[in-house]
Amino acid sequence: ILPGMAGFVTGEGDLPGDNDRRGVTVPIGAVFT
């Protein structure tokens, strides 16, 4: 890799508070207490 070369990069990151969004999303009626 030399200076000036172009490339494509992808990555994942977390925003603050995103830990509550990790998992499987289901309809609200599928969960009960």
PDB file of all heavy atoms in Angstrom:
ATOM      1  N   ILE A   1       0.865  -1.175   0.000  1.00  0.00           N
ATOM      2  CA  ILE A   1       0.000   0.000   0.000  1.00  0.00           C
ATOM      3  C   ILE A   1       0.903   1.227   0.000  1.00  0.00           C
ATOM      4  O   ILE A   1       1.739   1.396   0.889  1.00  0.00           O
ATOM      5  CB  ILE A   1      -0.931   0.008   1.220  1.00  0.00           C
ATOM      6  CG1 ILE A   1      -1.815  -1.240   1.209  1.00  0.00           C
ATOM      7  CG2 ILE A   1      -1.778   1.280   1.239  1.00  0.00           C
ATOM      8  CD1 ILE A   1      -2.675  -1.406   2.431  1.00  0.00           C
ATOM      9  N   LEU A   2       0.697   2.079  -1.015  1.00  0.00           N
ATOM     10  CA  LEU A   2       1.520   3.275  -1.165  1.00  0.00           C
ATOM     11  C   LEU A   2       0.684   4.524  -0.946  1.00  0.00           C
ATOM     12  O   LEU A   2      -0.536   4.514  -1.148  1.00  0.00           O
ATOM     13  CB  LEU A   2       2.151   3.304  -2.559  1.00  0.00           C
ATOM     14  CG  LEU A   2       3.049   2.112  -2.910  1.00  0.00           C
ATOM     15  CD1 LEU A   2       3.478   2.176  -4.368  1.00  0.00           C
ATOM     16  CD2 LEU A   2       4.257   2.064  -1.989  1.00  0.00           C
ATOM     17  N   PRO A   3       1.297   5.633  -0.534  1.00  0.00           N
ATOM     18  CA  PRO A   3       0.568   6.887  -0.372  1.00  0.00           C
ATOM     19  C   PRO A   3      -0.148   7.260  -1.672  1.00  0.00           C
ATOM     20  O   PRO A   3       0.391   7.098  -2.769  1.00  0.00           O
ATOM     21  CB  PRO A   3       1.667   7.904  -0.037  1.00  0.00           C
ATOM     22  CG  PRO A   3       2.783   7.090   0.522  1.00  0.00           C
ATOM     23  CD  PRO A   3       2.716   5.777  -0.191  1.00  0.00           C
ATOM     24  N   GLY A   4      -1.385   7.732  -1.549  1.00  0.00           N
ATOM     25  CA  GLY A   4      -2.173   8.155  -2.700  1.00  0.00           C
ATOM     26  C   GLY A   4      -3.051   7.072  -3.285  1.00  0.00           C
ATOM     27  O   GLY A   4      -3.891   7.356  -4.132  1.00  0.00           O
ATOM     28  N   MET A   5      -2.872   5.833  -2.882  1.00  0.00           N
ATOM     29  CA  MET A   5      -3.723   4.755  -3.387  1.00  0.00           C
ATOM     30  C   MET A   5      -5.120   4.890  -2.783  1.00  0.00           C
ATOM     31  O   MET A   5      -5.270   5.304  -1.643  1.00  0.00           O
ATOM     32  CB  MET A   5      -3.154   3.384  -3.023  1.00  0.00           C
ATOM     33  CG  MET A   5      -1.917   2.998  -3.764  1.00  0.00           C
ATOM     34  SD  MET A   5      -1.405   1.337  -3.232  1.00  0.00           S
ATOM     35  CE  MET A   5      -0.696   0.728  -4.723  1.00  0.00           C
ATOM     36  N   ALA A   6      -6.110   4.558  -3.588  1.00  0.00           N
ATOM     37  CA  ALA A   6      -7.495   4.599  -3.122  1.00  0.00           C
ATOM     38  C   ALA A   6      -7.901   3.208  -2.650  1.00  0.00           C
ATOM     39  O   ALA A   6      -7.352   2.201  -3.093  1.00  0.00           O
ATOM     40  CB  ALA A   6      -8.414   5.065  -4.238  1.00  0.00           C
ATOM     41  N   GLY A   7      -8.858   3.178  -1.755  1.00  0.00           N
ATOM     42  CA  GLY A   7      -9.343   1.902  -1.256  1.00  0.00           C
ATOM     43  C   GLY A   7     -10.760   2.034  -0.749  1.00  0.00           C
ATOM     44  O   GLY A   7     -11.335   3.125  -0.713  1.00  0.00           O
ATOM     45  N   PHE A   8     -11.333   0.929  -0.371  1.00  0.00           N
ATOM     46  CA  PHE A   8     -12.686   0.886   0.174  1.00  0.00           C
ATOM     47  C   PHE A   8     -12.636   0.128   1.486  1.00  0.00           C
ATOM     48  O   PHE A   8     -12.096  -0.977   1.546  1.00  0.00           O
ATOM     49  CB  PHE A   8     -13.624   0.183  -0.814  1.00  0.00           C
ATOM     50  CG  PHE A   8     -15.048   0.138  -0.353  1.00  0.00           C
ATOM     51  CD1 PHE A   8     -15.863   1.248  -0.426  1.00  0.00           C
ATOM     52  CD2 PHE A   8     -15.570  -1.030   0.168  1.00  0.00           C
ATOM     53  CE1 PHE A   8     -17.177   1.190   0.004  1.00  0.00           C
ATOM     54  CE2 PHE A   8     -16.879  -1.089   0.601  1.00  0.00           C
ATOM     55  CZ  PHE A   8     -17.683   0.034   0.520  1.00  0.00           C
ATOM     56  N   VAL A   9     -13.181   0.724   2.522  1.00  0.00           N
ATOM     57  CA  VAL A   9     -13.154   0.130   3.851  1.00  0.00           C
ATOM     58  C   VAL A   9     -14.559   0.144   4.429  1.00  0.00           C
ATOM     59  O   VAL A   9     -15.307   1.105   4.260  1.00  0.00           O
ATOM     60  CB  VAL A   9     -12.201   0.913   4.784  1.00  0.00           C
ATOM     61  CG1 VAL A   9     -12.226   0.343   6.182  1.00  0.00           C
ATOM     62  CG2 VAL A   9     -10.793   0.924   4.228  1.00  0.00           C
ATOM     63  N   THR A  10     -14.938  -0.939   5.099  1.00  0.00           N
ATOM     64  CA  THR A  10     -16.192  -0.966   5.844  1.00  0.00           C
ATOM     65  C   THR A  10     -15.888  -1.334   7.277  1.00  0.00           C
ATOM     66  O   THR A  10     -14.844  -1.915   7.570  1.00  0.00           O
ATOM     67  CB  THR A  10     -17.184  -2.000   5.263  1.00  0.00           C
ATOM     68  OG1 THR A  10     -16.612  -3.295   5.346  1.00  0.00           O
ATOM     69  CG2 THR A  10     -17.535  -1.687   3.817  1.00  0.00           C
ATOM     70  N   GLY A  11     -16.800  -0.992   8.149  1.00  0.00           N
ATOM     71  CA  GLY A  11     -16.621  -1.318   9.559  1.00  0.00           C
ATOM     72  C   GLY A  11     -17.929  -1.190  10.295  1.00  0.00           C
ATOM     73  O   GLY A  11     -18.932  -0.728   9.747  1.00  0.00           O
ATOM     74  N   GLU A  12     -17.910  -1.625  11.524  1.00  0.00           N
ATOM     75  CA  GLU A  12     -19.074  -1.512  12.389  1.00  0.00           C
ATOM     76  C   GLU A  12     -18.688  -0.759  13.629  1.00  0.00           C
ATOM     77  O   GLU A  12     -17.566  -0.896  14.121  1.00  0.00           O
ATOM     78  CB  GLU A  12     -19.588  -2.897  12.793  1.00  0.00           C
ATOM     79  CG  GLU A  12     -20.258  -3.639  11.679  1.00  0.00           C
ATOM     80  CD  GLU A  12     -20.888  -4.940  12.159  1.00  0.00           C
ATOM     81  OE1 GLU A  12     -21.202  -5.047  13.362  1.00  0.00           O
ATOM     82  OE2 GLU A  12     -21.061  -5.831  11.324  1.00  0.00           O
ATOM     83  N   GLY A  13     -19.614   0.022  14.111  1.00  0.00           N
ATOM     84  CA  GLY A  13     -19.380   0.757  15.332  1.00  0.00           C
ATOM     85  C   GLY A  13     -20.652   0.820  16.147  1.00  0.00           C
ATOM     86  O   GLY A  13     -21.743   0.534  15.653  1.00  0.00           O
ATOM     87  N   ASP A  14     -20.507   1.153  17.388  1.00  0.00           N
ATOM     88  CA  ASP A  14     -21.657   1.284  18.278  1.00  0.00           C
ATOM     89  C   ASP A  14     -21.837   2.731  18.660  1.00  0.00           C
ATOM     90  O   ASP A  14     -20.863   3.436  18.944  1.00  0.00           O
ATOM     91  CB  ASP A  14     -21.447   0.471  19.561  1.00  0.00           C
ATOM     92  CG  ASP A  14     -21.438  -1.017  19.298  1.00  0.00           C
ATOM     93  OD1 ASP A  14     -22.119  -1.448  18.351  1.00  0.00           O
ATOM     94  OD2 ASP A  14     -20.762  -1.741  20.046  1.00  0.00           O
ATOM     95  N   LEU A  15     -23.058   3.159  18.649  1.00  0.00           N
ATOM     96  CA  LEU A  15     -23.384   4.470  19.176  1.00  0.00           C
ATOM     97  C   LEU A  15     -23.711   4.318  20.648  1.00  0.00           C
ATOM     98  O   LEU A  15     -24.127   3.240  21.090  1.00  0.00           O
ATOM     99  CB  LEU A  15     -24.589   5.056  18.433  1.00  0.00           C
ATOM    100  CG  LEU A  15     -24.374   5.348  16.954  1.00  0.00           C
ATOM    101  CD1 LEU A  15     -25.687   5.756  16.308  1.00  0.00           C
ATOM    102  CD2 LEU A  15     -23.329   6.432  16.777  1.00  0.00           C
ATOM    103  N   PRO A  16     -23.541   5.347  21.447  1.00  0.00           N
ATOM    104  CA  PRO A  16     -23.912   5.235  22.860  1.00  0.00           C
ATOM    105  C   PRO A  16     -25.370   4.802  22.992  1.00  0.00           C
ATOM    106  O   PRO A  16     -26.255   5.323  22.319  1.00  0.00           O
ATOM    107  CB  PRO A  16     -23.705   6.648  23.395  1.00  0.00           C
ATOM    108  CG  PRO A  16     -22.732   7.272  22.455  1.00  0.00           C
ATOM    109  CD  PRO A  16     -23.003   6.647  21.114  1.00  0.00           C
ATOM    110  N   GLY A  17     -25.609   3.816  23.823  1.00  0.00           N
ATOM    111  CA  GLY A  17     -26.970   3.331  24.051  1.00  0.00           C
ATOM    112  C   GLY A  17     -27.414   2.249  23.089  1.00  0.00           C
ATOM    113  O   GLY A  17     -28.511   1.727  23.203  1.00  0.00           O
ATOM    114  N   ASP A  18     -26.595   1.878  22.095  1.00  0.00           N
ATOM    115  CA  ASP A  18     -26.992   0.862  21.124  1.00  0.00           C
ATOM    116  C   ASP A  18     -27.003  -0.542  21.690  1.00  0.00           C
ATOM    117  O   ASP A  18     -27.509  -1.455  21.064  1.00  0.00           O
ATOM    118  CB  ASP A  18     -26.083   0.899  19.896  1.00  0.00           C
ATOM    119  CG  ASP A  18     -26.615   1.816  18.810  1.00  0.00           C
ATOM    120  OD1 ASP A  18     -27.698   2.399  19.015  1.00  0.00           O
ATOM    121  OD2 ASP A  18     -25.963   1.942  17.768  1.00  0.00           O
ATOM    122  N   ASN A  19     -26.435  -0.770  22.868  1.00  0.00           N
ATOM    123  CA  ASN A  19     -26.446  -2.112  23.445  1.00  0.00           C
ATOM    124  C   ASN A  19     -27.854  -2.616  23.659  1.00  0.00           C
ATOM    125  O   ASN A  19     -28.097  -3.823  23.635  1.00  0.00           O
ATOM    126  CB  ASN A  19     -25.668  -2.141  24.759  1.00  0.00           C
ATOM    127  CG  ASN A  19     -24.177  -2.048  24.534  1.00  0.00           C
ATOM    128  OD1 ASN A  19     -23.700  -2.339  23.445  1.00  0.00           O
ATOM    129  ND2 ASN A  19     -23.448  -1.631  25.535  1.00  0.00           N
ATOM    130  N   ASP A  20     -28.830  -1.725  23.877  1.00  0.00           N
ATOM    131  CA  ASP A  20     -30.223  -2.139  24.050  1.00  0.00           C
ATOM    132  C   ASP A  20     -30.852  -2.605  22.745  1.00  0.00           C
ATOM    133  O   ASP A  20     -31.938  -3.129  22.735  1.00  0.00           O
ATOM    134  CB  ASP A  20     -31.059  -0.987  24.612  1.00  0.00           C
ATOM    135  CG  ASP A  20     -30.841  -0.794  26.095  1.00  0.00           C
ATOM    136  OD1 ASP A  20     -30.231  -1.676  26.729  1.00  0.00           O
ATOM    137  OD2 ASP A  20     -31.278   0.237  26.621  1.00  0.00           O
ATOM    138  N   ARG A  21     -30.187  -2.392  21.622  1.00  0.00           N
ATOM    139  CA  ARG A  21     -30.750  -2.726  20.313  1.00  0.00           C
ATOM    140  C   ARG A  21     -30.151  -3.999  19.717  1.00  0.00           C
ATOM    141  O   ARG A  21     -30.477  -4.366  18.603  1.00  0.00           O
ATOM    142  CB  ARG A  21     -30.558  -1.557  19.349  1.00  0.00           C
ATOM    143  CG  ARG A  21     -31.322  -0.339  19.793  1.00  0.00           C
ATOM    144  CD  ARG A  21     -31.038   0.834  18.873  1.00  0.00           C
ATOM    145  NE  ARG A  21     -31.699   2.028  19.358  1.00  0.00           N
ATOM    146  CZ  ARG A  21     -32.845   2.483  18.916  1.00  0.00           C
ATOM    147  NH1 ARG A  21     -33.487   1.843  17.968  1.00  0.00           N
ATOM    148  NH2 ARG A  21     -33.370   3.578  19.399  1.00  0.00           N
ATOM    149  N   ARG A  22     -29.257  -4.664  20.432  1.00  0.00           N
ATOM    150  CA  ARG A  22     -28.649  -5.891  19.916  1.00  0.00           C
ATOM    151  C   ARG A  22     -29.493  -7.091  20.286  1.00  0.00           C
ATOM    152  O   ARG A  22     -29.825  -7.291  21.441  1.00  0.00           O
ATOM    153  CB  ARG A  22     -27.253  -6.069  20.490  1.00  0.00           C
ATOM    154  CG  ARG A  22     -26.283  -5.091  19.924  1.00  0.00           C
ATOM    155  CD  ARG A  22     -24.903  -5.449  20.322  1.00  0.00           C
ATOM    156  NE  ARG A  22     -23.982  -4.512  19.713  1.00  0.00           N
ATOM    157  CZ  ARG A  22     -22.735  -4.397  20.051  1.00  0.00           C
ATOM    158  NH1 ARG A  22     -22.244  -5.158  20.996  1.00  0.00           N
ATOM    159  NH2 ARG A  22     -21.960  -3.540  19.448  1.00  0.00           N
ATOM    160  N   GLY A  23     -29.813  -7.892  19.305  1.00  0.00           N
ATOM    161  CA  GLY A  23     -30.602  -9.084  19.551  1.00  0.00           C
ATOM    162  C   GLY A  23     -31.550  -9.334  18.403  1.00  0.00           C
ATOM    163  O   GLY A  23     -31.318  -8.916  17.279  1.00  0.00           O
ATOM    164  N   VAL A  24     -32.639 -10.006  18.696  1.00  0.00           N
ATOM    165  CA  VAL A  24     -33.651 -10.355  17.710  1.00  0.00           C
ATOM    166  C   VAL A  24     -34.869  -9.477  17.965  1.00  0.00           C
ATOM    167  O   VAL A  24     -35.378  -9.431  19.086  1.00  0.00           O
ATOM    168  CB  VAL A  24     -34.037 -11.853  17.838  1.00  0.00           C
ATOM    169  CG1 VAL A  24     -35.099 -12.213  16.829  1.00  0.00           C
ATOM    170  CG2 VAL A  24     -32.807 -12.732  17.675  1.00  0.00           C
ATOM    171  N   THR A  25     -35.347  -8.772  16.943  1.00  0.00           N
ATOM    172  CA  THR A  25     -36.542  -7.941  17.086  1.00  0.00           C
ATOM    173  C   THR A  25     -37.769  -8.771  16.749  1.00  0.00           C
ATOM    174  O   THR A  25     -37.827  -9.398  15.695  1.00  0.00           O
ATOM    175  CB  THR A  25     -36.459  -6.705  16.177  1.00  0.00           C
ATOM    176  OG1 THR A  25     -35.274  -5.979  16.494  1.00  0.00           O
ATOM    177  CG2 THR A  25     -37.662  -5.806  16.375  1.00  0.00           C
ATOM    178  N   VAL A  26     -38.727  -8.780  17.670  1.00  0.00           N
ATOM    179  CA  VAL A  26     -39.972  -9.527  17.484  1.00  0.00           C
ATOM    180  C   VAL A  26     -41.144  -8.588  17.738  1.00  0.00           C
ATOM    181  O   VAL A  26     -40.987  -7.545  18.376  1.00  0.00           O
ATOM    182  CB  VAL A  26     -40.046 -10.744  18.449  1.00  0.00           C
ATOM    183  CG1 VAL A  26     -38.928 -11.732  18.160  1.00  0.00           C
ATOM    184  CG2 VAL A  26     -40.020 -10.310  19.892  1.00  0.00           C
ATOM    185  N   PRO A  27     -42.345  -8.947  17.265  1.00  0.00           N
ATOM    186  CA  PRO A  27     -43.513  -8.126  17.593  1.00  0.00           C
ATOM    187  C   PRO A  27     -43.707  -8.046  19.105  1.00  0.00           C
ATOM    188  O   PRO A  27     -43.413  -9.012  19.828  1.00  0.00           O
ATOM    189  CB  PRO A  27     -44.678  -8.879  16.931  1.00  0.00           C
ATOM    190  CG  PRO A  27     -44.042  -9.719  15.875  1.00  0.00           C
ATOM    191  CD  PRO A  27     -42.685 -10.067  16.394  1.00  0.00           C
ATOM    192  N   ILE A  28     -44.188  -6.920  19.597  1.00  0.00           N
ATOM    193  CA  ILE A  28     -44.353  -6.713  21.035  1.00  0.00           C
ATOM    194  C   ILE A  28     -45.260  -7.785  21.646  1.00  0.00           C
ATOM    195  O   ILE A  28     -45.052  -8.201  22.784  1.00  0.00           O
ATOM    196  CB  ILE A  28     -44.865  -5.289  21.344  1.00  0.00           C
ATOM    197  CG1 ILE A  28     -44.857  -5.003  22.836  1.00  0.00           C
ATOM    198  CG2 ILE A  28     -46.239  -5.069  20.773  1.00  0.00           C
ATOM    199  CD1 ILE A  28     -43.494  -4.849  23.427  1.00  0.00           C
ATOM    200  N   GLY A  29     -46.213  -8.290  20.883  1.00  0.00           N
ATOM    201  CA  GLY A  29     -47.121  -9.315  21.390  1.00  0.00           C
ATOM    202  C   GLY A  29     -46.473 -10.671  21.575  1.00  0.00           C
ATOM    203  O   GLY A  29     -47.075 -11.582  22.145  1.00  0.00           O
ATOM    204  N   ALA A  30     -45.233 -10.842  21.112  1.00  0.00           N
ATOM    205  CA  ALA A  30     -44.545 -12.125  21.261  1.00  0.00           C
ATOM    206  C   ALA A  30     -43.888 -12.275  22.627  1.00  0.00           C
ATOM    207  O   ALA A  30     -43.445 -13.357  22.987  1.00  0.00           O
ATOM    208  CB  ALA A  30     -43.489 -12.274  20.167  1.00  0.00           C
ATOM    209  N   VAL A  31     -43.820 -11.188  23.401  1.00  0.00           N
ATOM    210  CA  VAL A  31     -43.163 -11.209  24.718  1.00  0.00           C
ATOM    211  C   VAL A  31     -44.200 -10.859  25.781  1.00  0.00           C
ATOM    212  O   VAL A  31     -45.018  -9.962  25.586  1.00  0.00           O
ATOM    213  CB  VAL A  31     -41.986 -10.211  24.757  1.00  0.00           C
ATOM    214  CG1 VAL A  31     -41.355 -10.159  26.130  1.00  0.00           C
ATOM    215  CG2 VAL A  31     -40.945 -10.577  23.712  1.00  0.00           C
ATOM    216  N   PHE A  32     -44.163 -11.581  26.888  1.00  0.00           N
ATOM    217  CA  PHE A  32     -45.116 -11.309  27.965  1.00  0.00           C
ATOM    218  C   PHE A  32     -44.452 -11.512  29.320  1.00  0.00           C
ATOM    219  O   PHE A  32     -43.453 -12.207  29.442  1.00  0.00           O
ATOM    220  CB  PHE A  32     -46.357 -12.206  27.846  1.00  0.00           C
ATOM    221  CG  PHE A  32     -46.063 -13.666  28.073  1.00  0.00           C
ATOM    222  CD1 PHE A  32     -46.299 -14.237  29.317  1.00  0.00           C
ATOM    223  CD2 PHE A  32     -45.553 -14.458  27.058  1.00  0.00           C
ATOM    224  CE1 PHE A  32     -46.022 -15.582  29.541  1.00  0.00           C
ATOM    225  CE2 PHE A  32     -45.276 -15.798  27.267  1.00  0.00           C
ATOM    226  CZ  PHE A  32     -45.514 -16.364  28.508  1.00  0.00           C
ATOM    227  N   THR A  33     -45.009 -10.881  30.333  1.00  0.00           N
ATOM    228  CA  THR A  33     -44.573 -11.043  31.717  1.00  0.00           C
ATOM    229  C   THR A  33     -45.805 -11.416  32.538  1.00  0.00           C
ATOM    230  O   THR A  33     -46.743 -10.620  32.634  1.00  0.00           O
ATOM    231  CB  THR A  33     -43.950  -9.743  32.264  1.00  0.00           C
ATOM    232  OG1 THR A  33     -42.879  -9.348  31.409  1.00  0.00           O
ATOM    233  CG2 THR A  33     -43.438  -9.930  33.680  1.00  0.00           C
TER     234      THR A  33
END
